[in-house]
Amino acid sequence: MSSCTTKISRVACVGDSITEGYGLAVQSKTGYPVVLDSILGPGYHVLNSGRSSTTLQKEGNFPYWICKEFSNVFVYNPDIIIIKLGTNDTKPQNWQADRFEKDYQALIDTFRTIPEDPQIYLCLPVPVFKTKWGINDSTVINGVVPIVEKLAKENQLPVIDLYHQMQDQGADFPDSIHPNERAVKVMAGIIAKKIAE
C-alpha cells in the first residue's frame, strides 16, 4: 500500500426508524447517517444499518438481532459503531429493564467480536415529545437512559447524549417521535462532534 493512501474510517449506524430515516421525504438521502457522512467528510464512510420498528431486546416485538441490517454490520467490518436503540423498547409490551440491560450488554459483546475492534458509541435516545404507539418519554428517561449510562461506564464507552441536547427540538419532530430534516441535521451534528473528539 502506498504511503499516500489514507485509510477511510467505516462508521456503522445501528438503530431503528430514527436511524433508518422514517418520515423523511427522501429517506436514502436525508437520514442522519447520510448527513453524518457529509459532515465527517472524505475520511469517513457511513453505513445506515437502521431498521424501522426494531427493539434492542431479543424478546421485543421486532428484535434488531434478527434483521439483515444486524448481519450487515459484521460484513461491513466497521471502525466505529453508533448504537441508537431503545425507543421501541419503551412500548409497554416490550419494556423489561433487566432484560434490556442484559441484551444491551450482549449487543456490545457481540460487536466487540468484529476483527476491526471498532470504537462503540452508545446514544441516549432522542426525547419522545408525546406518547405514541406506546413509545413514551417516561420509560426513556427513567429506564433507557440510566441503563445506557451505566453500561457505558462499565464498558468504558463514550455516550452521545441526544436526549438532553435535543430537548428543544420538539417543533421538528412532526409526529413527536421521528425527527424531520432539520432535526436530523442537529442530530448528525451532535454525533459528528463526538466522533471528531
C-alpha atoms as a PDB file:
ATOM      1  CA  MET A   1       0.000   0.000   0.000  1.00  0.00           C
ATOM      2  CA  SER A   2       1.478   3.372  -0.955  1.00  0.00           C
ATOM      3  CA  SER A   3       2.045   5.922   1.777  1.00  0.00           C
ATOM      4  CA  CYS A   4      -0.352   8.399   0.162  1.00  0.00           C
ATOM      5  CA  THR A   5      -3.339   6.119   0.715  1.00  0.00           C
ATOM      6  CA  THR A   6      -5.451   7.373   3.586  1.00  0.00           C
ATOM      7  CA  LYS A   7      -7.416   4.793   5.455  1.00  0.00           C
ATOM      8  CA  ILE A   8     -11.105   5.564   5.371  1.00  0.00           C
ATOM      9  CA  SER A   9     -12.884   5.026   8.682  1.00  0.00           C
ATOM     10  CA  ARG A  10     -16.027   2.966   8.294  1.00  0.00           C
ATOM     11  CA  VAL A  11     -18.921   4.012  10.515  1.00  0.00           C
ATOM     12  CA  ALA A  12     -21.959   1.763  11.053  1.00  0.00           C
ATOM     13  CA  CYS A  13     -25.130   3.413  12.387  1.00  0.00           C
ATOM     14  CA  VAL A  14     -27.178   0.827  14.261  1.00  0.00           C
ATOM     15  CA  GLY A  15     -30.725   1.790  15.147  1.00  0.00           C
ATOM     16  CA  ASP A  16     -34.453   1.844  14.490  1.00  0.00           C
ATOM     17  CA  SER A  17     -36.674   4.053  12.314  1.00  0.00           C
ATOM     18  CA  ILE A  18     -34.996   7.214  13.626  1.00  0.00           C
ATOM     19  CA  THR A  19     -31.725   5.953  12.142  1.00  0.00           C
ATOM     20  CA  GLU A  20     -33.329   4.472   9.036  1.00  0.00           C
ATOM     21  CA  GLY A  21     -34.974   7.810   8.271  1.00  0.00           C
ATOM     22  CA  TYR A  22     -38.687   7.114   8.704  1.00  0.00           C
ATOM     23  CA  GLY A  23     -40.935  10.011   7.730  1.00  0.00           C
ATOM     24  CA  LEU A  24     -38.289  11.883   5.754  1.00  0.00           C
ATOM     25  CA  ALA A  25     -39.174  12.874   2.203  1.00  0.00           C
ATOM     26  CA  VAL A  26     -36.173  11.070   0.736  1.00  0.00           C
ATOM     27  CA  GLN A  27     -35.081   8.500   3.293  1.00  0.00           C
ATOM     28  CA  SER A  28     -31.997   7.382   1.411  1.00  0.00           C
ATOM     29  CA  LYS A  29     -30.734  10.961   1.012  1.00  0.00           C
ATOM     30  CA  THR A  30     -31.726  12.623   4.262  1.00  0.00           C
ATOM     31  CA  GLY A  31     -31.456  10.003   7.026  1.00  0.00           C
ATOM     32  CA  TYR A  32     -28.987  11.016   9.759  1.00  0.00           C
ATOM     33  CA  PRO A  33     -26.256   8.567   8.567  1.00  0.00           C
ATOM     34  CA  VAL A  34     -26.221  10.302   5.147  1.00  0.00           C
ATOM     35  CA  VAL A  35     -25.976  13.737   6.755  1.00  0.00           C
ATOM     36  CA  LEU A  36     -23.308  12.412   9.138  1.00  0.00           C
ATOM     37  CA  ASP A  37     -21.331  11.089   6.163  1.00  0.00           C
ATOM     38  CA  SER A  38     -21.275  14.524   4.539  1.00  0.00           C
ATOM     39  CA  ILE A  39     -20.357  16.315   7.810  1.00  0.00           C
ATOM     40  CA  LEU A  40     -17.490  13.908   8.572  1.00  0.00           C
ATOM     41  CA  GLY A  41     -16.104  14.299   5.067  1.00  0.00           C
ATOM     42  CA  PRO A  42     -13.907  12.169   2.798  1.00  0.00           C
ATOM     43  CA  GLY A  43     -12.024  10.372   5.587  1.00  0.00           C
ATOM     44  CA  TYR A  44     -15.190   8.517   6.581  1.00  0.00           C
ATOM     45  CA  HIS A  45     -17.760   6.236   5.017  1.00  0.00           C
ATOM     46  CA  VAL A  46     -21.058   5.869   6.868  1.00  0.00           C
ATOM     47  CA  LEU A  47     -23.414   2.900   6.544  1.00  0.00           C
ATOM     48  CA  ASN A  48     -27.079   3.208   7.511  1.00  0.00           C
ATOM     49  CA  SER A  49     -27.861  -0.002   9.406  1.00  0.00           C
ATOM     50  CA  GLY A  50     -31.138   1.264  10.828  1.00  0.00           C
ATOM     51  CA  ARG A  51     -34.304  -0.818  10.649  1.00  0.00           C
ATOM     52  CA  SER A  52     -37.722   0.601  11.488  1.00  0.00           C
ATOM     53  CA  SER A  53     -39.661  -0.714  14.495  1.00  0.00           C
ATOM     54  CA  THR A  54     -36.770  -2.717  15.943  1.00  0.00           C
ATOM     55  CA  THR A  55     -36.084  -3.292  19.619  1.00  0.00           C
ATOM     56  CA  LEU A  56     -32.763  -3.879  21.309  1.00  0.00           C
ATOM     57  CA  GLN A  57     -34.338  -6.635  23.392  1.00  0.00           C
ATOM     58  CA  LYS A  58     -34.164 -10.078  21.840  1.00  0.00           C
ATOM     59  CA  GLU A  59     -37.702 -10.748  23.033  1.00  0.00           C
ATOM     60  CA  GLY A  60     -39.120  -7.421  21.893  1.00  0.00           C
ATOM     61  CA  ASN A  61     -41.852  -7.386  19.246  1.00  0.00           C
ATOM     62  CA  PHE A  62     -39.259  -6.960  16.456  1.00  0.00           C
ATOM     63  CA  PRO A  63     -35.680  -7.645  17.621  1.00  0.00           C
ATOM     64  CA  TYR A  64     -32.860  -5.889  15.771  1.00  0.00           C
ATOM     65  CA  TRP A  65     -30.927  -9.140  16.196  1.00  0.00           C
ATOM     66  CA  ILE A  66     -32.930 -10.966  13.507  1.00  0.00           C
ATOM     67  CA  CYS A  67     -32.645  -8.258  10.824  1.00  0.00           C
ATOM     68  CA  LYS A  68     -30.335  -8.286   7.824  1.00  0.00           C
ATOM     69  CA  GLU A  69     -29.146  -4.832   8.972  1.00  0.00           C
ATOM     70  CA  PHE A  70     -27.609  -6.541  12.028  1.00  0.00           C
ATOM     71  CA  SER A  71     -25.706  -9.017   9.812  1.00  0.00           C
ATOM     72  CA  ASN A  72     -24.660  -6.153   7.521  1.00  0.00           C
ATOM     73  CA  VAL A  73     -22.690  -4.558  10.369  1.00  0.00           C
ATOM     74  CA  PHE A  74     -20.398  -7.618  10.543  1.00  0.00           C
ATOM     75  CA  VAL A  75     -19.925  -7.783   6.777  1.00  0.00           C
ATOM     76  CA  TYR A  76     -19.037  -4.074   6.746  1.00  0.00           C
ATOM     77  CA  ASN A  77     -16.361  -4.602   9.450  1.00  0.00           C
ATOM     78  CA  PRO A  78     -16.636  -1.033  10.795  1.00  0.00           C
ATOM     79  CA  ASP A  79     -14.066   1.019  12.704  1.00  0.00           C
ATOM     80  CA  ILE A  80     -16.850   2.874  14.532  1.00  0.00           C
ATOM     81  CA  ILE A  81     -20.316   1.701  15.592  1.00  0.00           C
ATOM     82  CA  ILE A  82     -23.022   4.081  16.769  1.00  0.00           C
ATOM     83  CA  ILE A  83     -25.823   2.335  18.669  1.00  0.00           C
ATOM     84  CA  LYS A  84     -29.081   4.243  18.849  1.00  0.00           C
ATOM     85  CA  LEU A  85     -31.673   1.736  20.013  1.00  0.00           C
ATOM     86  CA  GLY A  86     -34.148   1.727  22.897  1.00  0.00           C
ATOM     87  CA  THR A  87     -37.028   3.897  21.665  1.00  0.00           C
ATOM     88  CA  ASN A  88     -39.245   0.942  20.628  1.00  0.00           C
ATOM     89  CA  ASP A  89     -38.217  -0.912  23.771  1.00  0.00           C
ATOM     90  CA  THR A  90     -40.246   1.626  25.794  1.00  0.00           C
ATOM     91  CA  LYS A  91     -43.552   0.202  24.487  1.00  0.00           C
ATOM     92  CA  PRO A  92     -45.316  -1.355  27.497  1.00  0.00           C
ATOM     93  CA  GLN A  93     -45.427  -4.814  25.869  1.00  0.00           C
ATOM     94  CA  ASN A  94     -41.641  -4.662  25.319  1.00  0.00           C
ATOM     95  CA  TRP A  95     -40.174  -2.949  28.352  1.00  0.00           C
ATOM     96  CA  GLN A  96     -38.316  -5.032  30.904  1.00  0.00           C
ATOM     97  CA  ALA A  97     -35.401  -3.189  32.469  1.00  0.00           C
ATOM     98  CA  ASP A  98     -33.268  -6.176  33.464  1.00  0.00           C
ATOM     99  CA  ARG A  99     -33.730  -7.828  30.081  1.00  0.00           C
ATOM    100  CA  PHE A 100     -32.938  -4.566  28.287  1.00  0.00           C
ATOM    101  CA  GLU A 101     -29.679  -4.242  30.214  1.00  0.00           C
ATOM    102  CA  LYS A 102     -28.695  -7.883  29.635  1.00  0.00           C
ATOM    103  CA  ASP A 103     -29.407  -7.724  25.895  1.00  0.00           C
ATOM    104  CA  TYR A 104     -27.648  -4.367  25.518  1.00  0.00           C
ATOM    105  CA  GLN A 105     -24.534  -5.848  27.130  1.00  0.00           C
ATOM    106  CA  ALA A 106     -24.834  -8.831  24.786  1.00  0.00           C
ATOM    107  CA  LEU A 107     -25.008  -6.469  21.814  1.00  0.00           C
ATOM    108  CA  ILE A 108     -21.843  -4.667  22.944  1.00  0.00           C
ATOM    109  CA  ASP A 109     -20.071  -8.017  23.457  1.00  0.00           C
ATOM    110  CA  THR A 110     -21.202  -9.260  20.044  1.00  0.00           C
ATOM    111  CA  PHE A 111     -19.969  -6.133  18.268  1.00  0.00           C
ATOM    112  CA  ARG A 112     -16.664  -6.484  20.120  1.00  0.00           C
ATOM    113  CA  THR A 113     -16.042  -9.742  18.223  1.00  0.00           C
ATOM    114  CA  ILE A 114     -15.622  -7.759  14.979  1.00  0.00           C
ATOM    115  CA  PRO A 115     -11.973  -8.107  13.834  1.00  0.00           C
ATOM    116  CA  GLU A 116     -11.502  -4.350  13.373  1.00  0.00           C
ATOM    117  CA  ASP A 117     -12.181  -3.921  17.137  1.00  0.00           C
ATOM    118  CA  PRO A 118     -14.487  -0.974  16.478  1.00  0.00           C
ATOM    119  CA  GLN A 119     -14.930   2.014  18.764  1.00  0.00           C
ATOM    120  CA  ILE A 120     -18.519   1.741  20.013  1.00  0.00           C
ATOM    121  CA  TYR A 121     -20.597   4.791  20.890  1.00  0.00           C
ATOM    122  CA  LEU A 122     -23.817   4.470  22.892  1.00  0.00           C
ATOM    123  CA  CYS A 123     -26.541   7.034  22.188  1.00  0.00           C
ATOM    124  CA  LEU A 124     -29.084   8.208  24.692  1.00  0.00           C
ATOM    125  CA  PRO A 125     -32.275   8.159  22.577  1.00  0.00           C
ATOM    126  CA  VAL A 126     -33.815  11.382  21.329  1.00  0.00           C
ATOM    127  CA  PRO A 127     -36.697  12.628  23.514  1.00  0.00           C
ATOM    128  CA  VAL A 128     -40.239  11.357  22.989  1.00  0.00           C
ATOM    129  CA  PHE A 129     -42.267  14.547  22.772  1.00  0.00           C
ATOM    130  CA  LYS A 130     -45.636  12.817  23.104  1.00  0.00           C
ATOM    131  CA  THR A 131     -46.576   9.188  23.824  1.00  0.00           C
ATOM    132  CA  LYS A 132     -47.360   7.405  20.582  1.00  0.00           C
ATOM    133  CA  TRP A 133     -47.626   3.712  19.631  1.00  0.00           C
ATOM    134  CA  GLY A 134     -46.841   3.027  23.292  1.00  0.00           C
ATOM    135  CA  ILE A 135     -43.463   4.756  22.925  1.00  0.00           C
ATOM    136  CA  ASN A 136     -43.141   7.043  25.940  1.00  0.00           C
ATOM    137  CA  ASP A 137     -40.710   9.545  27.388  1.00  0.00           C
ATOM    138  CA  SER A 138     -41.079   8.391  30.971  1.00  0.00           C
ATOM    139  CA  THR A 139     -39.532   4.984  30.166  1.00  0.00           C
ATOM    140  CA  VAL A 140     -36.840   6.658  28.050  1.00  0.00           C
ATOM    141  CA  ILE A 141     -35.667   8.947  30.853  1.00  0.00           C
ATOM    142  CA  ASN A 142     -36.280   6.616  33.837  1.00  0.00           C
ATOM    143  CA  GLY A 143     -35.413   3.321  32.151  1.00  0.00           C
ATOM    144  CA  VAL A 144     -33.358   3.505  28.968  1.00  0.00           C
ATOM    145  CA  VAL A 145     -31.124   6.494  29.812  1.00  0.00           C
ATOM    146  CA  PRO A 146     -29.826   5.242  33.216  1.00  0.00           C
ATOM    147  CA  ILE A 147     -29.123   1.767  31.794  1.00  0.00           C
ATOM    148  CA  VAL A 148     -27.232   3.156  28.776  1.00  0.00           C
ATOM    149  CA  GLU A 149     -25.182   5.428  31.070  1.00  0.00           C
ATOM    150  CA  LYS A 150     -24.421   2.534  33.419  1.00  0.00           C
ATOM    151  CA  LEU A 151     -23.324   0.232  30.576  1.00  0.00           C
ATOM    152  CA  ALA A 152     -21.193   2.985  29.041  1.00  0.00           C
ATOM    153  CA  LYS A 153     -19.389   3.370  32.351  1.00  0.00           C
ATOM    154  CA  GLU A 154     -18.954  -0.375  32.926  1.00  0.00           C
ATOM    155  CA  ASN A 155     -17.681  -0.932  29.373  1.00  0.00           C
ATOM    156  CA  GLN A 156     -15.722   2.340  29.232  1.00  0.00           C
ATOM    157  CA  LEU A 157     -17.582   3.510  26.146  1.00  0.00           C
ATOM    158  CA  PRO A 158     -18.408   7.076  25.133  1.00  0.00           C
ATOM    159  CA  VAL A 159     -22.006   8.300  25.344  1.00  0.00           C
ATOM    160  CA  ILE A 160     -23.640  10.565  22.768  1.00  0.00           C
ATOM    161  CA  ASP A 161     -26.336  12.475  24.614  1.00  0.00           C
ATOM    162  CA  LEU A 162     -29.082  13.025  22.055  1.00  0.00           C
ATOM    163  CA  TYR A 163     -31.696  13.147  24.797  1.00  0.00           C
ATOM    164  CA  HIS A 164     -30.733  16.344  26.601  1.00  0.00           C
ATOM    165  CA  GLN A 165     -29.158  18.029  23.586  1.00  0.00           C
ATOM    166  CA  MET A 166     -32.360  17.667  21.548  1.00  0.00           C
ATOM    167  CA  GLN A 167     -34.868  18.685  24.201  1.00  0.00           C
ATOM    168  CA  ASP A 168     -35.562  21.974  22.417  1.00  0.00           C
ATOM    169  CA  GLN A 169     -36.199  20.328  19.028  1.00  0.00           C
ATOM    170  CA  GLY A 170     -39.855  19.389  19.630  1.00  0.00           C
ATOM    171  CA  ALA A 171     -41.155  21.525  16.767  1.00  0.00           C
ATOM    172  CA  ASP A 172     -39.008  19.497  14.358  1.00  0.00           C
ATOM    173  CA  PHE A 173     -40.462  16.141  15.435  1.00  0.00           C
ATOM    174  CA  PRO A 174     -43.718  16.280  13.436  1.00  0.00           C
ATOM    175  CA  ASP A 175     -45.164  13.060  14.919  1.00  0.00           C
ATOM    176  CA  SER A 176     -43.444  13.590  18.319  1.00  0.00           C
ATOM    177  CA  ILE A 177     -41.175  10.550  17.747  1.00  0.00           C
ATOM    178  CA  HIS A 178     -39.309  10.986  14.436  1.00  0.00           C
ATOM    179  CA  PRO A 179     -37.045  13.945  13.584  1.00  0.00           C
ATOM    180  CA  ASN A 180     -37.622  15.887  10.373  1.00  0.00           C
ATOM    181  CA  GLU A 181     -34.798  17.015   8.060  1.00  0.00           C
ATOM    182  CA  ARG A 182     -33.920  19.975  10.299  1.00  0.00           C
ATOM    183  CA  ALA A 183     -33.752  17.889  13.482  1.00  0.00           C
ATOM    184  CA  VAL A 184     -31.796  15.187  11.653  1.00  0.00           C
ATOM    185  CA  LYS A 185     -29.095  17.773  10.836  1.00  0.00           C
ATOM    186  CA  VAL A 186     -28.867  18.724  14.512  1.00  0.00           C
ATOM    187  CA  MET A 187     -28.648  15.060  15.483  1.00  0.00           C
ATOM    188  CA  ALA A 188     -25.942  14.294  12.903  1.00  0.00           C
ATOM    189  CA  GLY A 189     -24.018  17.364  14.077  1.00  0.00           C
ATOM    190  CA  ILE A 190     -24.019  16.204  17.702  1.00  0.00           C
ATOM    191  CA  ILE A 191     -22.804  12.733  16.667  1.00  0.00           C
ATOM    192  CA  ALA A 192     -20.118  14.103  14.304  1.00  0.00           C
ATOM    193  CA  LYS A 193     -18.770  16.388  17.032  1.00  0.00           C
ATOM    194  CA  LYS A 194     -18.426  13.439  19.414  1.00  0.00           C
ATOM    195  CA  ILE A 195     -16.642  11.305  16.797  1.00  0.00           C
ATOM    196  CA  ALA A 196     -14.285  14.186  15.968  1.00  0.00           C
ATOM    197  CA  GLU A 197     -13.247  14.398  19.648  1.00  0.00           C
END
